[in-house]
Amino acid sequence: MRIHIATDHAGLEFSTRLQHHLAAQGHEVVDHGPVDYDPVDDYPAFCIRAAQAVVDDQRTGAEALGVVFGGSGNGEQIAANKVQGVRAALVWSLSTAELAREHNDANVIAIGARQHTFEDVTSFIDRFVATPFSHDERHVRRIAQVGAYERDGVLVDGPGPRKVS
């Protein structure tokens, strides 16, 4: 599997170590930056490039996933989710890593490098990569609804706002 990685300065050490971990497992790792430590770097371009590469690979039929890192992972997830076709999930446990794939067919995960040990991070990523999408009808339907809104701005199957008394 091809795995695209991006980070900011907070995740640079994790990213470097993770690349070796994943390569040792036989994955092709593509690093979208940064390559040097800069405490004031701007992560959006790195994360967006990684997310776009995942989508591009998947469109050609290649097996690909993405991992983006930051201090909390929140900004990196937001940046990755700006790419049409990306379903980036913030992961903080084995359960969230598994459910991101099983229920949401997430193709990118975001992790807070300052929130976890390297051992935890590798276990989350290994679980994410190893877990298949369930293809359960309700999950397929919900992903299609999000995709329809992303493509066309159309809300499918949902009530409008309700007034709460």
C-alpha atoms as a PDB file:
ATOM      1  CA  MET A   1       0.000   0.000   0.000  1.00  0.00           C
ATOM      2  CA  ARG A   2       1.136   3.565  -0.686  1.00  0.00           C
ATOM      3  CA  ILE A   3       0.918   5.801   2.349  1.00  0.00           C
ATOM      4  CA  HIS A   4       1.169   9.571   2.007  1.00  0.00           C
ATOM      5  CA  ILE A   5       2.471  11.436   5.055  1.00  0.00           C
ATOM      6  CA  ALA A   6       2.545  15.125   5.967  1.00  0.00           C
ATOM      7  CA  THR A   7       3.125  17.018   9.172  1.00  0.00           C
ATOM      8  CA  ASP A   8       4.078  20.296  10.735  1.00  0.00           C
ATOM      9  CA  HIS A   9       7.071  20.948  12.970  1.00  0.00           C
ATOM     10  CA  ALA A  10       5.351  19.279  15.944  1.00  0.00           C
ATOM     11  CA  GLY A  11       5.113  15.949  14.144  1.00  0.00           C
ATOM     12  CA  LEU A  12       8.386  15.952  12.207  1.00  0.00           C
ATOM     13  CA  GLU A  13      10.186  13.479  14.475  1.00  0.00           C
ATOM     14  CA  PHE A  14       7.146  11.155  14.503  1.00  0.00           C
ATOM     15  CA  SER A  15       6.872  11.398  10.736  1.00  0.00           C
ATOM     16  CA  THR A  16      10.500  10.400  10.196  1.00  0.00           C
ATOM     17  CA  ARG A  17      10.250   7.449  12.575  1.00  0.00           C
ATOM     18  CA  LEU A  18       6.895   6.416  11.133  1.00  0.00           C
ATOM     19  CA  GLN A  19       8.257   6.361   7.602  1.00  0.00           C
ATOM     20  CA  HIS A  20      10.852   3.782   8.666  1.00  0.00           C
ATOM     21  CA  HIS A  21       8.206   1.754  10.534  1.00  0.00           C
ATOM     22  CA  LEU A  22       5.853   1.635   7.545  1.00  0.00           C
ATOM     23  CA  ALA A  23       8.601   0.943   5.008  1.00  0.00           C
ATOM     24  CA  ALA A  24       9.757  -1.994   7.149  1.00  0.00           C
ATOM     25  CA  GLN A  25       6.218  -3.387   6.837  1.00  0.00           C
ATOM     26  CA  GLY A  26       6.478  -3.242   3.047  1.00  0.00           C
ATOM     27  CA  HIS A  27       4.497  -0.050   2.436  1.00  0.00           C
ATOM     28  CA  GLU A  28       5.563   2.574  -0.063  1.00  0.00           C
ATOM     29  CA  VAL A  29       5.810   5.819   1.897  1.00  0.00           C
ATOM     30  CA  VAL A  30       5.596   9.229   0.232  1.00  0.00           C
ATOM     31  CA  ASP A  31       6.647  12.185   2.391  1.00  0.00           C
ATOM     32  CA  HIS A  32       4.920  15.465   1.533  1.00  0.00           C
ATOM     33  CA  GLY A  33       6.927  17.490   4.025  1.00  0.00           C
ATOM     34  CA  PRO A  34       8.326  19.245   5.697  1.00  0.00           C
ATOM     35  CA  VAL A  35      11.842  17.869   5.541  1.00  0.00           C
ATOM     36  CA  ASP A  36      13.486  20.362   7.906  1.00  0.00           C
ATOM     37  CA  TYR A  37      12.404  21.607  11.315  1.00  0.00           C
ATOM     38  CA  ASP A  38      10.910  25.099  11.222  1.00  0.00           C
ATOM     39  CA  PRO A  39       9.007  26.079  14.392  1.00  0.00           C
ATOM     40  CA  VAL A  40       6.782  28.498  12.460  1.00  0.00           C
ATOM     41  CA  ASP A  41       6.066  26.388   9.383  1.00  0.00           C
ATOM     42  CA  ASP A  42       2.613  26.351   7.832  1.00  0.00           C
ATOM     43  CA  TYR A  43       1.142  22.838   7.649  1.00  0.00           C
ATOM     44  CA  PRO A  44      -1.841  23.368   5.293  1.00  0.00           C
ATOM     45  CA  ALA A  45       0.106  22.978   2.038  1.00  0.00           C
ATOM     46  CA  PHE A  46       1.859  19.822   3.270  1.00  0.00           C
ATOM     47  CA  CYS A  47      -1.400  18.216   4.409  1.00  0.00           C
ATOM     48  CA  ILE A  48      -3.367  19.269   1.346  1.00  0.00           C
ATOM     49  CA  ARG A  49      -0.681  17.845  -0.968  1.00  0.00           C
ATOM     50  CA  ALA A  50      -0.736  14.531   0.916  1.00  0.00           C
ATOM     51  CA  ALA A  51      -4.535  14.388   0.846  1.00  0.00           C
ATOM     52  CA  GLN A  52      -4.642  15.227  -2.874  1.00  0.00           C
ATOM     53  CA  ALA A  53      -2.108  12.485  -3.580  1.00  0.00           C
ATOM     54  CA  VAL A  54      -4.309   9.942  -1.759  1.00  0.00           C
ATOM     55  CA  VAL A  55      -7.323  10.928  -3.866  1.00  0.00           C
ATOM     56  CA  ASP A  56      -5.276  10.917  -7.079  1.00  0.00           C
ATOM     57  CA  ASP A  57      -3.917   7.443  -6.309  1.00  0.00           C
ATOM     58  CA  GLN A  58      -7.336   6.076  -5.399  1.00  0.00           C
ATOM     59  CA  ARG A  59      -8.833   7.437  -8.634  1.00  0.00           C
ATOM     60  CA  THR A  60      -6.283   5.410 -10.609  1.00  0.00           C
ATOM     61  CA  GLY A  61      -7.114   2.277  -8.608  1.00  0.00           C
ATOM     62  CA  ALA A  62      -3.976   2.340  -6.472  1.00  0.00           C
ATOM     63  CA  GLU A  63      -4.292   1.335  -2.834  1.00  0.00           C
ATOM     64  CA  ALA A  64      -3.430   4.471  -0.884  1.00  0.00           C
ATOM     65  CA  LEU A  65      -4.089   6.075   2.481  1.00  0.00           C
ATOM     66  CA  GLY A  66      -2.798   9.182   4.206  1.00  0.00           C
ATOM     67  CA  VAL A  67      -1.526  10.166   7.635  1.00  0.00           C
ATOM     68  CA  VAL A  68      -1.190  13.796   8.732  1.00  0.00           C
ATOM     69  CA  PHE A  69       0.364  14.957  12.013  1.00  0.00           C
ATOM     70  CA  GLY A  70       0.448  18.093  14.066  1.00  0.00           C
ATOM     71  CA  GLY A  71       0.489  19.062  17.707  1.00  0.00           C
ATOM     72  CA  SER A  72      -3.171  18.126  18.114  1.00  0.00           C
ATOM     73  CA  GLY A  73      -4.022  16.861  14.621  1.00  0.00           C
ATOM     74  CA  ASN A  74      -7.026  19.175  14.425  1.00  0.00           C
ATOM     75  CA  GLY A  75      -5.688  21.718  11.941  1.00  0.00           C
ATOM     76  CA  GLU A  76      -4.152  18.995   9.812  1.00  0.00           C
ATOM     77  CA  GLN A  77      -7.483  17.154   9.669  1.00  0.00           C
ATOM     78  CA  ILE A  78      -9.276  20.350   8.667  1.00  0.00           C
ATOM     79  CA  ALA A  79      -6.728  21.050   5.916  1.00  0.00           C
ATOM     80  CA  ALA A  80      -6.909  17.494   4.537  1.00  0.00           C
ATOM     81  CA  ASN A  81     -10.714  17.571   4.529  1.00  0.00           C
ATOM     82  CA  LYS A  82     -10.670  20.554   2.162  1.00  0.00           C
ATOM     83  CA  VAL A  83      -9.630  18.182  -0.639  1.00  0.00           C
ATOM     84  CA  GLN A  84     -12.628  16.814  -2.513  1.00  0.00           C
ATOM     85  CA  GLY A  85     -12.866  13.071  -1.981  1.00  0.00           C
ATOM     86  CA  VAL A  86     -10.962  13.017   1.300  1.00  0.00           C
ATOM     87  CA  ARG A  87     -12.553  11.646   4.431  1.00  0.00           C
ATOM     88  CA  ALA A  88     -10.027  12.551   7.128  1.00  0.00           C
ATOM     89  CA  ALA A  89     -10.688  11.419  10.687  1.00  0.00           C
ATOM     90  CA  LEU A  90      -9.011  12.564  13.879  1.00  0.00           C
ATOM     91  CA  VAL A  91      -7.719   9.435  15.612  1.00  0.00           C
ATOM     92  CA  TRP A  92      -6.804   9.183  19.285  1.00  0.00           C
ATOM     93  CA  SER A  93      -7.295   5.494  20.101  1.00  0.00           C
ATOM     94  CA  LEU A  94      -7.323   2.047  18.537  1.00  0.00           C
ATOM     95  CA  SER A  95     -11.106   2.195  18.475  1.00  0.00           C
ATOM     96  CA  THR A  96     -11.253   5.514  16.604  1.00  0.00           C
ATOM     97  CA  ALA A  97      -8.650   4.241  14.122  1.00  0.00           C
ATOM     98  CA  GLU A  98     -10.693   1.125  13.440  1.00  0.00           C
ATOM     99  CA  LEU A  99     -14.058   2.902  13.250  1.00  0.00           C
ATOM    100  CA  ALA A 100     -12.637   5.550  10.909  1.00  0.00           C
ATOM    101  CA  ARG A 101     -12.037   2.802   8.332  1.00  0.00           C
ATOM    102  CA  GLU A 102     -14.910   0.434   9.186  1.00  0.00           C
ATOM    103  CA  HIS A 103     -17.739   2.970   9.299  1.00  0.00           C
ATOM    104  CA  ASN A 104     -16.467   6.027   7.440  1.00  0.00           C
ATOM    105  CA  ASP A 105     -14.101   4.531   4.866  1.00  0.00           C
ATOM    106  CA  ALA A 106     -11.672   7.250   5.964  1.00  0.00           C
ATOM    107  CA  ASN A 107      -8.751   7.554   3.583  1.00  0.00           C
ATOM    108  CA  VAL A 108      -6.699   9.932   5.744  1.00  0.00           C
ATOM    109  CA  ILE A 109      -6.157  10.034   9.481  1.00  0.00           C
ATOM    110  CA  ALA A 110      -4.927  12.922  11.570  1.00  0.00           C
ATOM    111  CA  ILE A 111      -3.042  12.359  14.798  1.00  0.00           C
ATOM    112  CA  GLY A 112      -1.782  14.734  17.466  1.00  0.00           C
ATOM    113  CA  ALA A 113       1.923  14.063  17.841  1.00  0.00           C
ATOM    114  CA  ARG A 114       2.016  15.909  21.161  1.00  0.00           C
ATOM    115  CA  GLN A 115      -0.854  13.822  22.510  1.00  0.00           C
ATOM    116  CA  HIS A 116       0.537  10.286  22.190  1.00  0.00           C
ATOM    117  CA  THR A 117       3.652   8.158  22.460  1.00  0.00           C
ATOM    118  CA  PHE A 118       5.263   6.909  19.272  1.00  0.00           C
ATOM    119  CA  GLU A 119       4.192   3.369  20.186  1.00  0.00           C
ATOM    120  CA  ASP A 120       0.564   4.500  20.468  1.00  0.00           C
ATOM    121  CA  VAL A 121       0.774   6.340  17.152  1.00  0.00           C
ATOM    122  CA  THR A 122       2.156   3.327  15.309  1.00  0.00           C
ATOM    123  CA  SER A 123      -0.528   1.096  16.816  1.00  0.00           C
ATOM    124  CA  PHE A 124      -3.257   3.534  15.657  1.00  0.00           C
ATOM    125  CA  ILE A 125      -1.831   3.697  12.147  1.00  0.00           C
ATOM    126  CA  ASP A 126      -1.270  -0.046  11.903  1.00  0.00           C
ATOM    127  CA  ARG A 127      -4.883  -0.639  12.956  1.00  0.00           C
ATOM    128  CA  PHE A 128      -6.159   1.974  10.491  1.00  0.00           C
ATOM    129  CA  VAL A 129      -4.203   0.455   7.596  1.00  0.00           C
ATOM    130  CA  ALA A 130      -5.242  -3.113   8.472  1.00  0.00           C
ATOM    131  CA  THR A 131      -8.962  -2.412   8.929  1.00  0.00           C
ATOM    132  CA  PRO A 132     -11.205  -2.738   5.869  1.00  0.00           C
ATOM    133  CA  PHE A 133     -14.326  -0.720   5.195  1.00  0.00           C
ATOM    134  CA  SER A 134     -17.397  -2.722   6.265  1.00  0.00           C
ATOM    135  CA  HIS A 135     -19.480  -1.910   3.147  1.00  0.00           C
ATOM    136  CA  ASP A 136     -22.513  -2.005   5.426  1.00  0.00           C
ATOM    137  CA  GLU A 137     -25.427  -0.377   3.587  1.00  0.00           C
ATOM    138  CA  ARG A 138     -26.000   2.321   6.199  1.00  0.00           C
ATOM    139  CA  HIS A 139     -22.363   3.412   6.065  1.00  0.00           C
ATOM    140  CA  VAL A 140     -22.302   3.391   2.259  1.00  0.00           C
ATOM    141  CA  ARG A 141     -25.466   5.501   2.247  1.00  0.00           C
ATOM    142  CA  ARG A 142     -24.095   8.046   4.709  1.00  0.00           C
ATOM    143  CA  ILE A 143     -20.791   8.395   2.871  1.00  0.00           C
ATOM    144  CA  ALA A 144     -22.740   8.953  -0.356  1.00  0.00           C
ATOM    145  CA  GLN A 145     -24.766  11.697   1.348  1.00  0.00           C
ATOM    146  CA  VAL A 146     -21.616  13.503   2.444  1.00  0.00           C
ATOM    147  CA  GLY A 147     -20.147  13.069  -1.044  1.00  0.00           C
ATOM    148  CA  ALA A 148     -23.279  14.497  -2.671  1.00  0.00           C
ATOM    149  CA  TYR A 149     -23.065  17.588  -0.507  1.00  0.00           C
ATOM    150  CA  GLU A 150     -19.357  17.933  -1.201  1.00  0.00           C
ATOM    151  CA  ARG A 151     -19.878  17.692  -4.985  1.00  0.00           C
ATOM    152  CA  ASP A 152     -23.177  19.503  -5.477  1.00  0.00           C
ATOM    153  CA  GLY A 153     -24.109  21.221  -2.230  1.00  0.00           C
ATOM    154  CA  VAL A 154     -27.179  18.994  -2.030  1.00  0.00           C
ATOM    155  CA  LEU A 155     -28.441  17.645   1.288  1.00  0.00           C
ATOM    156  CA  VAL A 156     -29.874  14.178   0.824  1.00  0.00           C
ATOM    157  CA  ASP A 157     -32.411  12.513   3.138  1.00  0.00           C
ATOM    158  CA  GLY A 158     -32.506  14.793   6.074  1.00  0.00           C
ATOM    159  CA  PRO A 159     -35.012  16.912   7.874  1.00  0.00           C
ATOM    160  CA  GLY A 160     -34.474  20.614   7.901  1.00  0.00           C
ATOM    161  CA  PRO A 161     -33.819  22.591  11.054  1.00  0.00           C
ATOM    162  CA  ARG A 162     -36.208  22.064  13.929  1.00  0.00           C
ATOM    163  CA  LYS A 163     -37.207  24.619  16.495  1.00  0.00           C
ATOM    164  CA  VAL A 164     -36.496  23.518  20.029  1.00  0.00           C
ATOM    165  CA  SER A 165     -38.996  24.652  22.645  1.00  0.00           C
END
